[in-house]
Amino acid sequence: MLSSSSSLSFGDWEADWEAVPDPLESRDEWFCYWDEPLRGGSGVGEMSQKQLVRALSKTFRDFEKQIVEAVVREVWQDFDEEKTGILEREVLMKSQTGLVDTAHMVLMWSS
């Protein structure tokens, strides 16, 4: 039983038990899933680096969060050309050359 002072939020619990869409197979579904405000998203079609780390960590559970965070931090700078700290859906989800696919490739190479 969780106490009212527990740091576990509904969004964390939900992501732990609910099947997360595969970003490599269902790009739109995956992005919409994580863009949902109940899951920590903004609901406006953009993600911050922190939001992306959370989404990828919960999607690719075979990798430790610290590894996902390091990979995202490393590749983020190549995609955030205007240094806003926010990336749009198209930049994140572009097939083969978007940040999500790039981060996934780096994670696979590092394992």
Protein backbone atom coordinates (compact mmCIF):
# COMPACT_ATOMS: atom_id res chain seq x y z
CA MET A 1 0.00 0.00 0.00
CA LEU A 2 1.31 3.43 -0.91
CA SER A 3 1.16 6.22 1.57
CA SER A 4 0.01 9.65 0.57
CA SER A 5 3.59 10.84 0.99
CA SER A 6 4.94 8.34 -1.53
CA SER A 7 6.93 9.83 -4.40
CA LEU A 8 5.41 7.37 -6.89
CA SER A 9 3.03 9.23 -9.16
CA PHE A 10 0.15 7.76 -11.15
CA GLY A 11 2.12 8.36 -14.33
CA ASP A 12 5.08 6.31 -13.05
CA TRP A 13 2.84 3.46 -11.92
CA GLU A 14 0.95 3.46 -15.19
CA ALA A 15 4.12 3.35 -17.29
CA ASP A 16 5.46 0.48 -15.17
CA TRP A 17 2.42 -1.73 -15.78
CA GLU A 18 0.98 -0.61 -19.10
CA ALA A 19 2.38 -1.84 -22.41
CA VAL A 20 4.37 1.01 -23.94
CA PRO A 21 4.13 1.35 -27.74
CA ASP A 22 7.31 0.53 -29.67
CA PRO A 23 8.81 3.73 -31.13
CA LEU A 24 10.44 1.77 -33.95
CA GLU A 25 7.18 0.16 -35.05
CA SER A 26 4.47 2.66 -34.02
CA ARG A 27 6.09 6.09 -34.07
CA ASP A 28 2.93 8.17 -33.82
CA GLU A 29 1.46 5.99 -31.09
CA TRP A 30 4.68 6.10 -29.06
CA PHE A 31 5.03 9.86 -29.31
CA CYS A 32 1.37 10.48 -28.44
CA TYR A 33 1.68 8.10 -25.48
CA TRP A 34 4.60 10.05 -23.99
CA ASP A 35 3.31 13.49 -25.02
CA GLU A 36 0.24 12.87 -22.83
CA PRO A 37 0.35 15.21 -19.78
CA LEU A 38 -0.62 12.34 -17.45
CA ARG A 39 2.63 10.64 -18.47
CA GLY A 40 4.80 13.72 -18.04
CA GLY A 41 4.44 15.14 -21.55
CA SER A 42 3.53 18.65 -22.56
CA GLY A 43 0.66 17.73 -24.88
CA VAL A 44 1.90 20.17 -27.52
CA GLY A 45 4.03 17.92 -29.74
CA GLU A 46 7.42 18.70 -28.18
CA MET A 47 9.70 17.09 -25.61
CA SER A 48 12.44 18.31 -23.35
CA GLN A 49 15.60 16.30 -22.81
CA LYS A 50 14.32 15.23 -19.38
CA GLN A 51 10.98 14.06 -20.84
CA LEU A 52 12.77 12.09 -23.56
CA VAL A 53 15.10 10.38 -21.07
CA ARG A 54 12.10 9.31 -19.00
CA ALA A 55 10.22 8.02 -22.06
CA LEU A 56 13.19 6.11 -23.47
CA SER A 57 14.12 4.67 -20.06
CA LYS A 58 10.63 3.28 -19.64
CA THR A 59 10.51 2.08 -23.26
CA PHE A 60 13.94 0.44 -23.49
CA ARG A 61 14.02 -1.18 -20.06
CA ASP A 62 17.04 -3.34 -20.86
CA PHE A 63 19.22 -0.24 -20.44
CA GLU A 64 19.92 1.50 -17.14
CA LYS A 65 18.47 5.00 -16.88
CA GLN A 66 21.97 6.48 -16.41
CA ILE A 67 23.07 4.97 -19.74
CA VAL A 68 19.97 6.28 -21.53
CA GLU A 69 20.53 9.70 -19.96
CA ALA A 70 24.19 9.80 -21.10
CA VAL A 71 23.30 8.76 -24.66
CA VAL A 72 20.46 11.31 -24.95
CA ARG A 73 22.69 14.06 -23.53
CA GLU A 74 25.41 13.15 -26.05
CA VAL A 75 23.19 13.16 -29.15
CA TRP A 76 20.80 15.94 -28.03
CA GLN A 77 23.27 18.69 -28.90
CA ASP A 78 23.36 17.52 -32.53
CA PHE A 79 19.58 17.92 -32.85
CA ASP A 80 18.93 21.01 -30.70
CA GLU A 81 20.59 23.44 -33.10
CA GLU A 82 18.85 26.49 -31.63
CA LYS A 83 19.72 25.42 -28.06
CA THR A 84 16.12 25.78 -26.85
CA GLY A 85 16.12 22.60 -24.78
CA ILE A 86 12.94 21.48 -26.56
CA LEU A 87 12.60 19.38 -29.70
CA GLU A 88 9.56 18.96 -31.92
CA ARG A 89 8.02 15.64 -32.80
CA GLU A 90 9.43 15.65 -36.35
CA VAL A 91 13.01 16.03 -35.10
CA LEU A 92 12.57 13.30 -32.52
CA MET A 93 10.63 10.78 -34.57
CA LYS A 94 12.05 11.06 -38.11
CA SER A 95 12.68 7.52 -39.35
CA GLN A 96 16.35 6.46 -39.20
CA THR A 97 17.74 9.97 -38.70
CA GLY A 98 15.66 11.35 -35.83
CA LEU A 99 16.90 11.59 -32.27
CA VAL A 100 14.93 8.56 -31.03
CA ASP A 101 16.33 6.25 -33.72
CA THR A 102 19.82 7.70 -33.27
CA ALA A 103 19.71 7.20 -29.50
CA HIS A 104 18.40 3.67 -29.97
CA MET A 105 21.27 2.83 -32.37
CA VAL A 106 23.85 4.19 -29.92
CA LEU A 107 22.27 2.20 -27.07
CA MET A 108 22.38 -0.98 -29.15
CA TRP A 109 26.03 -0.42 -30.11
CA SER A 110 26.99 0.25 -26.50
CA SER A 111 25.51 -2.99 -25.16
